[in-house]
Amino acid sequence: KSDTTSNNWSSTTFNTPSYRIGFLKFDSADILKYNVWMMSFAFMVLFAAYNTIQNFVTSLLPGDLGNLSLSVLYITVAITIFLAPIITEKIGEKWSMVIGGSCYSLYFASLIKISKPIVLTSSVVIGFGASLLWVAQGAFLTKCSIPEERGFYSGLFWTIFQLCNVFGNLAAYIIIQHMTDALLFTLFTI
């Protein structure tokens, strides 16, 4: 029975016409592979900034604001994760990832000029955005992978994604010595 399901899914996904761009011809399988690669790189860039900021936020923000901010963020994720599949189903994976990623940028921007109410409010926003982003990522990765290749594409995504820790912390190491905290947060926002 699982072979029939796999074949039906595969045939409905990949029996669409090919696409031409100039002299290049792409079939829908190529487009799906391209989508996985682009999503992987987009997540790497976004989380190079976010993971690095998360590493520094508890020591760079005044008092206990950094710890409080992260607590609010992850409590919000735990609460809103139940709404994320409903929203993702309604607006689609692409727009869910766009909205989720935008929430991260809003959080980064809130750290440029520190105001406790703004930082905590943006922590709620990024918590919601994180739940939306990760639910959409899983659904999108599943849709872009035929069952036989899901393990490969999942591994590919996580390999590229984890490079964010290398590049983000390396960038912070190089530039943190030469700029203020506000300028660092501004660069990661961009």
C-alpha atoms as a PDB file:
ATOM      1  CA  LYS A   1       0.000   0.000   0.000  1.00  0.00           C
ATOM      2  CA  SER A   2       2.809   2.462   0.779  1.00  0.00           C
ATOM      3  CA  ASP A   3       4.308   1.883  -2.710  1.00  0.00           C
ATOM      4  CA  THR A   4       0.996   2.895  -4.304  1.00  0.00           C
ATOM      5  CA  THR A   5       0.809   6.010  -2.147  1.00  0.00           C
ATOM      6  CA  SER A   6       4.388   6.953  -2.997  1.00  0.00           C
ATOM      7  CA  ASN A   7       3.802   6.449  -6.721  1.00  0.00           C
ATOM      8  CA  ASN A   8       0.570   8.450  -6.692  1.00  0.00           C
ATOM      9  CA  TRP A   9       2.190  11.292  -4.782  1.00  0.00           C
ATOM     10  CA  SER A  10       5.251  11.234  -6.968  1.00  0.00           C
ATOM     11  CA  SER A  11       3.316  11.146 -10.221  1.00  0.00           C
ATOM     12  CA  THR A  12       0.998  13.987  -9.253  1.00  0.00           C
ATOM     13  CA  THR A  13       3.953  16.110  -8.214  1.00  0.00           C
ATOM     14  CA  PHE A  14       6.344  15.500 -11.095  1.00  0.00           C
ATOM     15  CA  ASN A  15       4.117  15.043 -14.171  1.00  0.00           C
ATOM     16  CA  THR A  16       3.787  18.754 -14.757  1.00  0.00           C
ATOM     17  CA  PRO A  17       5.240  20.475 -17.826  1.00  0.00           C
ATOM     18  CA  SER A  18       8.832  21.551 -17.912  1.00  0.00           C
ATOM     19  CA  TYR A  19       9.905  25.197 -17.722  1.00  0.00           C
ATOM     20  CA  ARG A  20      12.239  27.032 -20.060  1.00  0.00           C
ATOM     21  CA  ILE A  21      14.463  29.952 -19.186  1.00  0.00           C
ATOM     22  CA  GLY A  22      16.351  30.889 -22.320  1.00  0.00           C
ATOM     23  CA  PHE A  23      18.004  27.722 -23.591  1.00  0.00           C
ATOM     24  CA  LEU A  24      17.766  25.998 -20.182  1.00  0.00           C
ATOM     25  CA  LYS A  25      14.991  23.515 -19.565  1.00  0.00           C
ATOM     26  CA  PHE A  26      13.842  22.636 -16.045  1.00  0.00           C
ATOM     27  CA  ASP A  27      11.323  20.044 -15.029  1.00  0.00           C
ATOM     28  CA  SER A  28       9.287  20.363 -11.861  1.00  0.00           C
ATOM     29  CA  ALA A  29      11.684  18.031  -9.976  1.00  0.00           C
ATOM     30  CA  ASP A  30      14.529  20.505 -10.665  1.00  0.00           C
ATOM     31  CA  ILE A  31      12.388  23.377  -9.389  1.00  0.00           C
ATOM     32  CA  LEU A  32      11.610  21.485  -6.179  1.00  0.00           C
ATOM     33  CA  LYS A  33      15.304  20.727  -5.606  1.00  0.00           C
ATOM     34  CA  TYR A  34      16.120  24.368  -6.220  1.00  0.00           C
ATOM     35  CA  ASN A  35      13.476  25.360  -3.655  1.00  0.00           C
ATOM     36  CA  VAL A  36      15.068  23.111  -1.011  1.00  0.00           C
ATOM     37  CA  TRP A  37      18.512  24.607  -1.670  1.00  0.00           C
ATOM     38  CA  MET A  38      17.205  28.189  -1.541  1.00  0.00           C
ATOM     39  CA  MET A  39      15.221  27.566   1.638  1.00  0.00           C
ATOM     40  CA  SER A  40      18.309  26.022   3.234  1.00  0.00           C
ATOM     41  CA  PHE A  41      20.486  29.021   2.395  1.00  0.00           C
ATOM     42  CA  ALA A  42      17.800  31.497   3.472  1.00  0.00           C
ATOM     43  CA  PHE A  43      17.507  29.784   6.852  1.00  0.00           C
ATOM     44  CA  MET A  44      21.297  29.737   7.191  1.00  0.00           C
ATOM     45  CA  VAL A  45      21.508  33.497   6.627  1.00  0.00           C
ATOM     46  CA  LEU A  46      18.562  34.308   8.911  1.00  0.00           C
ATOM     47  CA  PHE A  47      19.818  32.110  11.724  1.00  0.00           C
ATOM     48  CA  ALA A  48      23.427  33.229  11.347  1.00  0.00           C
ATOM     49  CA  ALA A  49      22.089  36.534  12.625  1.00  0.00           C
ATOM     50  CA  TYR A  50      19.550  35.146  15.099  1.00  0.00           C
ATOM     51  CA  ASN A  51      21.693  32.482  16.767  1.00  0.00           C
ATOM     52  CA  THR A  52      24.563  34.925  17.143  1.00  0.00           C
ATOM     53  CA  ILE A  53      22.272  37.547  18.666  1.00  0.00           C
ATOM     54  CA  GLN A  54      20.776  34.923  20.957  1.00  0.00           C
ATOM     55  CA  ASN A  55      24.285  34.014  22.128  1.00  0.00           C
ATOM     56  CA  PHE A  56      25.021  37.632  23.044  1.00  0.00           C
ATOM     57  CA  VAL A  57      21.633  39.002  24.086  1.00  0.00           C
ATOM     58  CA  THR A  58      21.856  37.887  27.731  1.00  0.00           C
ATOM     59  CA  SER A  59      25.164  39.668  28.220  1.00  0.00           C
ATOM     60  CA  LEU A  60      24.595  42.737  26.028  1.00  0.00           C
ATOM     61  CA  LEU A  61      21.135  43.753  27.241  1.00  0.00           C
ATOM     62  CA  PRO A  62      20.903  45.598  30.573  1.00  0.00           C
ATOM     63  CA  GLY A  63      19.968  43.738  33.764  1.00  0.00           C
ATOM     64  CA  ASP A  64      17.966  40.598  33.195  1.00  0.00           C
ATOM     65  CA  LEU A  65      16.293  41.862  30.007  1.00  0.00           C
ATOM     66  CA  GLY A  66      18.144  39.355  27.808  1.00  0.00           C
ATOM     67  CA  ASN A  67      17.023  36.366  29.876  1.00  0.00           C
ATOM     68  CA  LEU A  68      13.506  37.750  30.158  1.00  0.00           C
ATOM     69  CA  SER A  69      13.356  38.390  26.420  1.00  0.00           C
ATOM     70  CA  LEU A  70      14.359  34.810  25.585  1.00  0.00           C
ATOM     71  CA  SER A  71      11.929  33.424  28.157  1.00  0.00           C
ATOM     72  CA  VAL A  72       9.038  35.397  26.670  1.00  0.00           C
ATOM     73  CA  LEU A  73      10.086  34.345  23.176  1.00  0.00           C
ATOM     74  CA  TYR A  74      10.109  30.601  23.916  1.00  0.00           C
ATOM     75  CA  ILE A  75       6.943  30.680  26.016  1.00  0.00           C
ATOM     76  CA  THR A  76       5.236  32.367  23.064  1.00  0.00           C
ATOM     77  CA  VAL A  77       6.539  29.653  20.727  1.00  0.00           C
ATOM     78  CA  ALA A  78       5.105  26.978  23.040  1.00  0.00           C
ATOM     79  CA  ILE A  79       1.701  28.663  23.050  1.00  0.00           C
ATOM     80  CA  THR A  80       1.434  29.687  19.387  1.00  0.00           C
ATOM     81  CA  ILE A  81       2.813  26.482  17.881  1.00  0.00           C
ATOM     82  CA  PHE A  82      -0.725  25.103  17.963  1.00  0.00           C
ATOM     83  CA  LEU A  83      -2.002  27.911  15.703  1.00  0.00           C
ATOM     84  CA  ALA A  84       0.855  27.740  13.214  1.00  0.00           C
ATOM     85  CA  PRO A  85      -0.398  24.704  11.213  1.00  0.00           C
ATOM     86  CA  ILE A  86      -3.802  26.319  10.765  1.00  0.00           C
ATOM     87  CA  ILE A  87      -2.285  29.591   9.568  1.00  0.00           C
ATOM     88  CA  THR A  88       0.222  27.809   7.330  1.00  0.00           C
ATOM     89  CA  GLU A  89      -2.546  25.787   5.733  1.00  0.00           C
ATOM     90  CA  LYS A  90      -4.557  28.951   5.031  1.00  0.00           C
ATOM     91  CA  ILE A  91      -1.797  31.181   3.629  1.00  0.00           C
ATOM     92  CA  GLY A  92       0.676  28.549   2.397  1.00  0.00           C
ATOM     93  CA  GLU A  93       4.212  27.609   3.336  1.00  0.00           C
ATOM     94  CA  LYS A  94       5.926  30.358   1.343  1.00  0.00           C
ATOM     95  CA  TRP A  95       4.013  33.230   2.927  1.00  0.00           C
ATOM     96  CA  SER A  96       4.237  31.637   6.362  1.00  0.00           C
ATOM     97  CA  MET A  97       8.027  31.573   6.024  1.00  0.00           C
ATOM     98  CA  VAL A  98       8.082  35.170   4.763  1.00  0.00           C
ATOM     99  CA  ILE A  99       5.984  36.363   7.705  1.00  0.00           C
ATOM    100  CA  GLY A 100       7.956  34.254  10.181  1.00  0.00           C
ATOM    101  CA  GLY A 101      11.290  35.554   8.879  1.00  0.00           C
ATOM    102  CA  SER A 102       9.995  39.129   9.023  1.00  0.00           C
ATOM    103  CA  CYS A 103       9.200  38.634  12.696  1.00  0.00           C
ATOM    104  CA  TYR A 104      12.870  37.788  13.279  1.00  0.00           C
ATOM    105  CA  SER A 105      13.920  41.025  11.570  1.00  0.00           C
ATOM    106  CA  LEU A 106      11.535  42.984  13.777  1.00  0.00           C
ATOM    107  CA  TYR A 107      13.149  41.424  16.860  1.00  0.00           C
ATOM    108  CA  PHE A 108      16.623  42.315  15.582  1.00  0.00           C
ATOM    109  CA  ALA A 109      15.520  45.902  14.991  1.00  0.00           C
ATOM    110  CA  SER A 110      14.130  46.154  18.537  1.00  0.00           C
ATOM    111  CA  LEU A 111      17.644  45.590  19.866  1.00  0.00           C
ATOM    112  CA  ILE A 112      19.163  48.594  18.091  1.00  0.00           C
ATOM    113  CA  LYS A 113      17.897  51.093  20.679  1.00  0.00           C
ATOM    114  CA  ILE A 114      17.001  49.195  23.828  1.00  0.00           C
ATOM    115  CA  SER A 115      13.568  49.829  25.303  1.00  0.00           C
ATOM    116  CA  LYS A 116      12.254  47.131  27.636  1.00  0.00           C
ATOM    117  CA  PRO A 117       8.604  47.287  26.464  1.00  0.00           C
ATOM    118  CA  ILE A 118       9.647  47.195  22.797  1.00  0.00           C
ATOM    119  CA  VAL A 119      12.101  44.328  23.298  1.00  0.00           C
ATOM    120  CA  LEU A 120       9.525  42.272  25.224  1.00  0.00           C
ATOM    121  CA  THR A 121       6.780  42.991  22.686  1.00  0.00           C
ATOM    122  CA  SER A 122       9.080  41.995  19.848  1.00  0.00           C
ATOM    123  CA  SER A 123       9.920  38.823  21.808  1.00  0.00           C
ATOM    124  CA  VAL A 124       6.244  37.874  21.605  1.00  0.00           C
ATOM    125  CA  VAL A 125       6.235  38.691  17.883  1.00  0.00           C
ATOM    126  CA  ILE A 126       9.329  36.594  17.150  1.00  0.00           C
ATOM    127  CA  GLY A 127       7.891  33.744  19.232  1.00  0.00           C
ATOM    128  CA  PHE A 128       4.828  33.709  17.011  1.00  0.00           C
ATOM    129  CA  GLY A 129       7.024  34.063  13.925  1.00  0.00           C
ATOM    130  CA  ALA A 130       9.258  31.179  15.007  1.00  0.00           C
ATOM    131  CA  SER A 131       6.322  28.814  15.361  1.00  0.00           C
ATOM    132  CA  LEU A 132       5.011  29.847  11.950  1.00  0.00           C
ATOM    133  CA  LEU A 133       8.446  29.622  10.335  1.00  0.00           C
ATOM    134  CA  TRP A 134       9.308  26.145  11.604  1.00  0.00           C
ATOM    135  CA  VAL A 135       5.906  24.609  10.855  1.00  0.00           C
ATOM    136  CA  ALA A 136       6.048  26.015   7.319  1.00  0.00           C
ATOM    137  CA  GLN A 137       9.633  24.823   6.877  1.00  0.00           C
ATOM    138  CA  GLY A 138       8.712  21.238   7.698  1.00  0.00           C
ATOM    139  CA  ALA A 139       5.671  21.271   5.420  1.00  0.00           C
ATOM    140  CA  PHE A 140       7.601  22.899   2.568  1.00  0.00           C
ATOM    141  CA  LEU A 141      10.519  20.473   2.847  1.00  0.00           C
ATOM    142  CA  THR A 142       8.088  17.552   2.789  1.00  0.00           C
ATOM    143  CA  LYS A 143       6.286  18.899  -0.285  1.00  0.00           C
ATOM    144  CA  CYS A 144       9.561  19.446  -2.131  1.00  0.00           C
ATOM    145  CA  SER A 145      10.905  15.928  -1.537  1.00  0.00           C
ATOM    146  CA  ILE A 146       9.709  12.683  -3.007  1.00  0.00           C
ATOM    147  CA  PRO A 147       9.431  10.066  -0.250  1.00  0.00           C
ATOM    148  CA  GLU A 148      12.592   8.237  -1.369  1.00  0.00           C
ATOM    149  CA  GLU A 149      14.668  11.422  -1.083  1.00  0.00           C
ATOM    150  CA  ARG A 150      13.213  13.018   2.060  1.00  0.00           C
ATOM    151  CA  GLY A 151      16.091  11.839   4.233  1.00  0.00           C
ATOM    152  CA  PHE A 152      18.633  13.271   1.836  1.00  0.00           C
ATOM    153  CA  TYR A 153      16.910  16.655   1.578  1.00  0.00           C
ATOM    154  CA  SER A 154      16.299  16.819   5.289  1.00  0.00           C
ATOM    155  CA  GLY A 155      19.994  16.150   5.873  1.00  0.00           C
ATOM    156  CA  LEU A 156      20.931  18.706   3.248  1.00  0.00           C
ATOM    157  CA  PHE A 157      18.737  21.329   4.901  1.00  0.00           C
ATOM    158  CA  TRP A 158      20.149  20.687   8.370  1.00  0.00           C
ATOM    159  CA  THR A 159      23.755  20.629   7.142  1.00  0.00           C
ATOM    160  CA  ILE A 160      23.433  23.991   5.416  1.00  0.00           C
ATOM    161  CA  PHE A 161      21.335  25.392   8.266  1.00  0.00           C
ATOM    162  CA  GLN A 162      23.916  24.461  10.917  1.00  0.00           C
ATOM    163  CA  LEU A 163      26.566  26.441   9.058  1.00  0.00           C
ATOM    164  CA  CYS A 164      24.768  29.478  10.477  1.00  0.00           C
ATOM    165  CA  ASN A 165      26.590  28.877  13.757  1.00  0.00           C
ATOM    166  CA  VAL A 166      29.966  28.998  12.045  1.00  0.00           C
ATOM    167  CA  PHE A 167      29.308  32.055   9.884  1.00  0.00           C
ATOM    168  CA  GLY A 168      27.310  34.022  12.463  1.00  0.00           C
ATOM    169  CA  ASN A 169      29.792  33.619  15.290  1.00  0.00           C
ATOM    170  CA  LEU A 170      32.748  34.184  12.972  1.00  0.00           C
ATOM    171  CA  ALA A 171      31.161  37.431  11.767  1.00  0.00           C
ATOM    172  CA  ALA A 172      30.494  38.506  15.343  1.00  0.00           C
ATOM    173  CA  TYR A 173      34.073  37.700  16.346  1.00  0.00           C
ATOM    174  CA  ILE A 174      35.469  39.774  13.505  1.00  0.00           C
ATOM    175  CA  ILE A 175      33.175  42.781  13.778  1.00  0.00           C
ATOM    176  CA  ILE A 176      32.300  42.993  17.478  1.00  0.00           C
ATOM    177  CA  GLN A 177      35.766  44.308  18.271  1.00  0.00           C
ATOM    178  CA  HIS A 178      35.259  47.297  15.981  1.00  0.00           C
ATOM    179  CA  MET A 179      31.735  48.505  16.669  1.00  0.00           C
ATOM    180  CA  THR A 180      29.097  49.289  19.233  1.00  0.00           C
ATOM    181  CA  ASP A 181      26.347  46.863  20.256  1.00  0.00           C
ATOM    182  CA  ALA A 182      23.767  48.986  18.405  1.00  0.00           C
ATOM    183  CA  LEU A 183      25.757  48.804  15.170  1.00  0.00           C
ATOM    184  CA  LEU A 184      26.135  45.030  15.570  1.00  0.00           C
ATOM    185  CA  PHE A 185      22.364  44.621  15.993  1.00  0.00           C
ATOM    186  CA  THR A 186      21.784  46.940  13.021  1.00  0.00           C
ATOM    187  CA  LEU A 187      24.008  44.835  10.776  1.00  0.00           C
ATOM    188  CA  PHE A 188      22.274  41.618  11.814  1.00  0.00           C
ATOM    189  CA  THR A 189      18.898  43.249  11.154  1.00  0.00           C
ATOM    190  CA  ILE A 190      19.922  43.935   7.561  1.00  0.00           C
END
